[in-house]
Amino acid sequence: MKWRRARQSDNVEDRRGGRGGGGAKIGLGGLAIIVVIGLLMGKDPMEMLGMVGELQQQTPAGGTGPAAPVNDEASQFIAAILGETEDVWTAAFAESGQRYEPARLVLFSGRVQSACSSASAAVGPFYCPGDRQVYIDLGFFEEMKRRLGGGGDFAEAYVIAHEVGHHIQTLSGVSQRVNEARRRGENVQGDGGLLVRQELQADCYAGVWAHHAQRRHDWLEPGDIEEALNTASAIGDDTLQRQSSGTVMPDSFSHGTSTQRVRWFRVGFDHGDPGRCDTFAATRL
């Protein structure tokens, strides 16, 4: 992927190193177990993970080591992908007479404080609507390669674009409607539930971004699309549950199956039309 062709965003904050780092990390296997346990207990997975983050803050760390360079290749890559999401979505919003307000992206290591909660690296990349920021511990990408069989620069770009997709949902009011349903006591989890539809829409938005970014820069190389599709498949609810417990529990789904995640990314990528990403109206996910 020829990512250096993109403009680098100024909306990246680097908190790696001595600020907010340290503490014990939980791998993706542990993350999946925490999520499954939380769902079985009827708990919000983000609440469970926030509790883990609080516990890790109280765990003495063996030292955070030297601060990471603030302008290394990894941060340049992140800034380039975020910059491209800004340019693509600015143009898309302008077509409908709207102004796009970019999200900020925070790089962290170990743990981080957001407006949503204190979160550990175990959460993986996440978007916080409370401060409209994306949070990424770059160690997730190594875990993705090592534990899940996903990875590669375009796969990493897909993950970032997916989180920005949640920002689009905040701007459009989708996230608020899902949260209101949760506050009313509605069950938003499960296969076909609102959480799954919300995540699949973010996958579709990631595909829309990839479609337009490719048209703008012709930056994809052989194997790049396969990287993103393999990653989407690797982080499906059914795949993660099968790996963590050997049992698939559709009633506890929150992100969609591997097949569904691949399908909706392809819908966005093949058509480049955000209007095709209405997973909430879809009868077939």
Protein backbone atom coordinates (compact mmCIF):
# COMPACT_ATOMS: atom_id res chain seq x y z
CA MET A 1 0.00 0.00 0.00
CA LYS A 2 1.51 3.30 -1.12
CA TRP A 3 0.22 5.21 1.89
CA ARG A 4 2.77 8.03 1.64
CA ARG A 5 0.70 9.48 -1.21
CA ALA A 6 -1.88 10.70 1.31
CA ARG A 7 -1.88 13.95 3.23
CA GLN A 8 -0.92 13.57 6.88
CA SER A 9 -3.49 14.79 9.39
CA ASP A 10 -2.61 17.21 12.17
CA ASN A 11 -5.27 15.63 14.38
CA VAL A 12 -3.03 12.94 15.88
CA GLU A 13 -2.00 13.09 19.53
CA ASP A 14 0.86 10.83 20.62
CA ARG A 15 0.58 9.70 24.24
CA ARG A 16 2.92 6.73 23.93
CA GLY A 17 5.85 6.31 26.24
CA GLY A 18 5.93 7.81 29.72
CA ARG A 19 2.48 9.44 29.66
CA GLY A 20 -0.23 6.94 30.49
CA GLY A 21 1.74 3.83 29.56
CA GLY A 22 2.83 0.82 31.54
CA GLY A 23 0.93 -1.80 33.44
CA ALA A 24 0.15 -5.35 32.45
CA LYS A 25 -1.44 -5.88 29.06
CA ILE A 26 -4.15 -8.38 28.22
CA GLY A 27 -3.98 -10.02 24.81
CA LEU A 28 -6.83 -10.41 22.37
CA GLY A 29 -7.57 -13.90 23.70
CA GLY A 30 -8.12 -12.45 27.16
CA LEU A 31 -10.17 -9.65 25.66
CA ALA A 32 -12.51 -12.12 23.97
CA ILE A 33 -12.96 -14.05 27.22
CA ILE A 34 -13.79 -10.85 29.14
CA VAL A 35 -16.38 -9.88 26.52
CA VAL A 36 -18.00 -13.34 26.55
CA ILE A 37 -18.12 -13.46 30.35
CA GLY A 38 -19.63 -9.98 30.46
CA LEU A 39 -22.34 -10.90 27.99
CA LEU A 40 -23.19 -14.08 29.90
CA MET A 41 -23.52 -11.98 33.06
CA GLY A 42 -25.71 -9.46 31.28
CA LYS A 43 -23.05 -6.76 31.57
CA ASP A 44 -22.07 -4.16 29.00
CA PRO A 45 -18.71 -5.37 27.57
CA MET A 46 -17.34 -1.80 27.65
CA GLU A 47 -18.18 -1.63 31.35
CA MET A 48 -16.29 -4.87 31.98
CA LEU A 49 -13.29 -3.68 30.01
CA GLY A 50 -13.35 -0.35 31.81
CA MET A 51 -13.13 -2.25 35.10
CA VAL A 52 -10.10 -4.11 33.79
CA GLY A 53 -8.54 -0.79 32.84
CA GLU A 54 -9.08 0.54 36.36
CA LEU A 55 -7.48 -2.56 37.86
CA GLN A 56 -4.51 -2.27 35.54
CA GLN A 57 -4.02 1.33 36.60
CA GLN A 58 -3.52 0.01 40.13
CA THR A 59 -1.02 -2.63 39.01
CA PRO A 60 2.60 -1.52 39.43
CA ALA A 61 4.43 -1.43 36.13
CA GLY A 62 8.04 -2.37 35.64
CA GLY A 63 8.78 0.99 33.98
CA THR A 64 7.49 2.48 30.80
CA GLY A 65 10.86 2.77 29.08
CA PRO A 66 11.88 5.61 26.82
CA ALA A 67 9.16 7.60 25.12
CA ALA A 68 8.39 6.53 21.57
CA PRO A 69 9.38 8.95 18.81
CA VAL A 70 6.54 11.32 18.06
CA ASN A 71 7.26 11.24 14.34
CA ASP A 72 8.29 7.67 13.65
CA GLU A 73 7.04 5.71 10.64
CA ALA A 74 4.14 4.22 12.60
CA SER A 75 2.79 7.63 13.57
CA GLN A 76 3.33 8.91 10.02
CA PHE A 77 1.27 6.00 8.72
CA ILE A 78 -1.51 6.69 11.20
CA ALA A 79 -1.50 10.39 10.29
CA ALA A 80 -1.66 9.56 6.57
CA ILE A 81 -4.62 7.21 6.95
CA LEU A 82 -6.46 9.63 9.24
CA GLY A 83 -5.73 12.47 6.80
CA GLU A 84 -7.25 10.46 3.98
CA THR A 85 -10.38 9.72 6.01
CA GLU A 86 -10.70 13.46 6.60
CA ASP A 87 -10.39 14.27 2.90
CA VAL A 88 -12.79 11.53 1.76
CA TRP A 89 -15.48 12.31 4.33
CA THR A 90 -15.13 16.07 3.90
CA ALA A 91 -15.95 15.60 0.22
CA ALA A 92 -18.80 13.18 0.97
CA PHE A 93 -20.41 15.52 3.50
CA ALA A 94 -20.01 18.49 1.15
CA GLU A 95 -22.02 16.65 -1.52
CA SER A 96 -25.03 16.76 0.80
CA GLY A 97 -24.40 20.35 1.88
CA GLN A 98 -22.90 19.42 5.26
CA ARG A 99 -19.61 20.21 6.95
CA TYR A 100 -17.49 17.34 8.18
CA GLU A 101 -15.96 17.73 11.64
CA PRO A 102 -12.87 15.47 11.82
CA ALA A 103 -12.20 13.16 14.72
CA ARG A 104 -8.94 13.32 16.64
CA LEU A 105 -6.84 10.18 17.04
CA VAL A 106 -4.85 9.35 20.17
CA LEU A 107 -1.91 6.94 20.11
CA PHE A 108 -1.29 5.34 23.48
CA SER A 109 0.55 2.46 25.07
CA GLY A 110 -0.69 0.32 27.93
CA ARG A 111 -3.69 2.35 29.07
CA VAL A 112 -5.40 5.65 28.40
CA GLN A 113 -8.02 7.95 29.89
CA SER A 114 -10.85 8.95 27.57
CA ALA A 115 -14.13 10.74 28.16
CA CYS A 116 -15.79 7.30 28.05
CA SER A 117 -13.64 5.52 30.65
CA SER A 118 -10.17 4.50 31.61
CA ALA A 119 -9.25 1.85 29.07
CA SER A 120 -6.43 -0.63 28.77
CA ALA A 121 -4.76 -1.96 25.65
CA ALA A 122 -7.04 -4.99 26.01
CA VAL A 123 -9.93 -2.97 24.59
CA GLY A 124 -8.17 -2.65 21.25
CA PRO A 125 -8.83 0.34 19.01
CA PHE A 126 -11.99 2.18 20.04
CA TYR A 127 -13.93 5.37 19.40
CA CYS A 128 -15.27 7.48 22.27
CA PRO A 129 -18.29 9.61 21.30
CA GLY A 130 -17.89 11.59 24.51
CA ASP A 131 -14.76 13.34 23.23
CA ARG A 132 -15.09 12.33 19.56
CA GLN A 133 -11.66 10.73 19.52
CA VAL A 134 -10.27 7.44 18.23
CA TYR A 135 -7.84 5.61 20.54
CA ILE A 136 -5.27 3.10 19.30
CA ASP A 137 -2.51 1.16 20.99
CA LEU A 138 -0.28 0.14 18.09
CA GLY A 139 0.47 -3.12 19.90
CA PHE A 140 -2.98 -4.24 18.74
CA PHE A 141 -1.69 -4.51 15.20
CA GLU A 142 1.07 -6.88 16.30
CA GLU A 143 -1.48 -8.96 18.19
CA MET A 144 -3.67 -8.95 15.10
CA LYS A 145 -0.86 -10.46 13.06
CA ARG A 146 0.36 -12.89 15.69
CA ARG A 147 -2.88 -14.16 17.21
CA LEU A 148 -5.61 -13.64 14.66
CA GLY A 149 -3.95 -14.13 11.31
CA GLY A 150 -4.91 -10.64 10.14
CA GLY A 151 -2.55 -7.80 9.44
CA GLY A 152 -0.74 -5.71 6.87
CA ASP A 153 -0.79 -1.99 6.22
CA PHE A 154 -4.15 -1.92 4.42
CA ALA A 155 -5.67 -4.13 7.12
CA GLU A 156 -4.48 -1.59 9.68
CA ALA A 157 -5.95 1.20 7.57
CA TYR A 158 -9.27 -0.66 7.54
CA VAL A 159 -9.27 -0.80 11.36
CA ILE A 160 -8.67 2.96 11.57
CA ALA A 161 -11.34 3.67 8.95
CA HIS A 162 -13.80 1.46 10.87
CA GLU A 163 -13.31 3.54 14.04
CA VAL A 164 -13.74 6.73 12.02
CA GLY A 165 -16.96 5.12 10.77
CA HIS A 166 -18.23 5.28 14.34
CA HIS A 167 -17.42 8.99 14.29
CA ILE A 168 -19.62 9.32 11.20
CA GLN A 169 -22.38 7.61 13.16
CA THR A 170 -21.98 10.12 15.98
CA LEU A 171 -22.23 13.02 13.56
CA SER A 172 -25.30 11.53 11.88
CA GLY A 173 -27.11 10.70 15.13
CA VAL A 174 -27.02 6.91 14.67
CA SER A 175 -24.97 6.31 17.81
CA GLN A 176 -27.36 8.42 19.87
CA ARG A 177 -30.35 6.36 18.72
CA VAL A 178 -28.59 3.12 19.68
CA ASN A 179 -27.66 4.52 23.08
CA GLU A 180 -31.22 5.71 23.67
CA ALA A 181 -32.50 2.21 22.92
CA ARG A 182 -30.05 0.81 25.47
CA ARG A 183 -31.16 3.33 28.09
CA ARG A 184 -34.78 2.30 27.50
CA GLY A 185 -33.77 -1.21 28.47
CA GLU A 186 -33.99 -2.69 24.99
CA ASN A 187 -31.77 -5.67 24.25
CA VAL A 188 -29.34 -4.29 21.68
CA GLN A 189 -27.07 -7.33 21.59
CA GLY A 190 -27.36 -10.54 19.63
CA ASP A 191 -27.31 -11.56 16.01
CA GLY A 192 -29.27 -8.91 14.12
CA GLY A 193 -29.35 -6.56 17.13
CA LEU A 194 -28.63 -2.84 17.06
CA LEU A 195 -25.01 -3.22 18.17
CA VAL A 196 -24.27 -5.65 15.36
CA ARG A 197 -25.96 -3.36 12.84
CA GLN A 198 -23.98 -0.40 14.17
CA GLU A 199 -20.67 -2.25 13.80
CA LEU A 200 -21.49 -3.57 10.34
CA GLN A 201 -22.37 -0.07 9.20
CA ALA A 202 -18.94 1.10 10.40
CA ASP A 203 -17.42 -1.73 8.34
CA CYS A 204 -19.38 -0.52 5.33
CA TYR A 205 -18.22 3.05 5.91
CA ALA A 206 -14.64 1.75 6.02
CA GLY A 207 -15.26 0.20 2.62
CA VAL A 208 -16.69 3.48 1.28
CA TRP A 209 -13.55 5.25 2.46
CA ALA A 210 -11.31 2.62 0.84
CA HIS A 211 -13.20 2.95 -2.46
CA HIS A 212 -12.67 6.69 -2.70
CA ALA A 213 -9.13 6.62 -1.33
CA GLN A 214 -8.17 4.14 -4.05
CA ARG A 215 -9.72 6.32 -6.73
CA ARG A 216 -7.84 9.34 -5.40
CA HIS A 217 -4.41 7.77 -5.04
CA ASP A 218 -4.34 4.38 -6.82
CA TRP A 219 -2.36 3.25 -3.79
CA LEU A 220 -3.43 -0.38 -3.35
CA GLU A 221 -1.03 -3.16 -4.26
CA PRO A 222 -1.65 -6.89 -4.91
CA GLY A 223 -2.87 -8.57 -1.75
CA ASP A 224 -4.02 -5.39 0.02
CA ILE A 225 -7.75 -6.08 -0.34
CA GLU A 226 -7.22 -9.64 0.85
CA GLU A 227 -5.46 -8.27 3.94
CA ALA A 228 -8.48 -6.20 4.89
CA LEU A 229 -10.93 -9.01 4.19
CA ASN A 230 -8.86 -11.50 6.20
CA THR A 231 -8.78 -9.08 9.09
CA ALA A 232 -12.52 -8.42 8.94
CA SER A 233 -13.04 -12.18 8.99
CA ALA A 234 -10.60 -12.70 11.88
CA ILE A 235 -12.46 -10.30 14.19
CA GLY A 236 -15.97 -11.60 13.60
CA ASP A 237 -17.95 -12.52 16.73
CA ASP A 238 -18.26 -16.17 15.74
CA THR A 239 -14.53 -16.52 15.05
CA LEU A 240 -13.48 -14.82 18.30
CA GLN A 241 -15.96 -16.83 20.37
CA ARG A 242 -14.86 -20.08 18.76
CA GLN A 243 -11.24 -19.28 19.54
CA SER A 244 -11.88 -18.24 23.14
CA SER A 245 -14.43 -20.82 24.28
CA GLY A 246 -15.02 -23.23 21.41
CA THR A 247 -18.70 -22.25 21.39
CA VAL A 248 -20.54 -19.73 19.24
CA MET A 249 -23.31 -17.83 21.05
CA PRO A 250 -25.31 -15.71 18.57
CA ASP A 251 -27.35 -14.14 21.37
CA SER A 252 -24.21 -12.41 22.61
CA PHE A 253 -23.00 -11.08 19.26
CA SER A 254 -22.02 -7.41 19.24
CA HIS A 255 -20.03 -6.95 16.01
CA GLY A 256 -21.36 -9.45 13.49
CA THR A 257 -20.07 -12.70 12.07
CA SER A 258 -16.94 -12.97 9.97
CA THR A 259 -19.06 -13.41 6.84
CA GLN A 260 -21.17 -10.37 7.66
CA ARG A 261 -18.19 -8.13 8.35
CA VAL A 262 -16.55 -9.09 5.06
CA ARG A 263 -19.81 -8.64 3.17
CA TRP A 264 -20.50 -5.12 4.43
CA PHE A 265 -16.95 -3.95 3.86
CA ARG A 266 -17.31 -5.18 0.28
CA VAL A 267 -20.64 -3.36 -0.13
CA GLY A 268 -18.92 -0.11 0.76
CA PHE A 269 -15.79 -0.78 -1.25
CA ASP A 270 -17.55 -1.98 -4.38
CA HIS A 271 -20.02 0.92 -4.58
CA GLY A 272 -18.44 3.81 -2.66
CA ASP A 273 -21.92 5.01 -1.67
CA PRO A 274 -22.65 5.69 2.03
CA GLY A 275 -26.34 5.38 1.23
CA ARG A 276 -25.86 1.64 0.70
CA CYS A 277 -24.61 1.28 4.28
CA ASP A 278 -28.03 1.39 5.96
CA THR A 279 -27.59 -1.82 7.92
CA PHE A 280 -30.44 -0.81 10.22
CA ALA A 281 -32.98 -1.17 7.40
CA ALA A 282 -31.41 -4.31 5.93
CA THR A 283 -33.39 -7.54 6.23
CA ARG A 284 -30.28 -9.60 5.44
CA LEU A 285 -27.07 -8.84 7.24
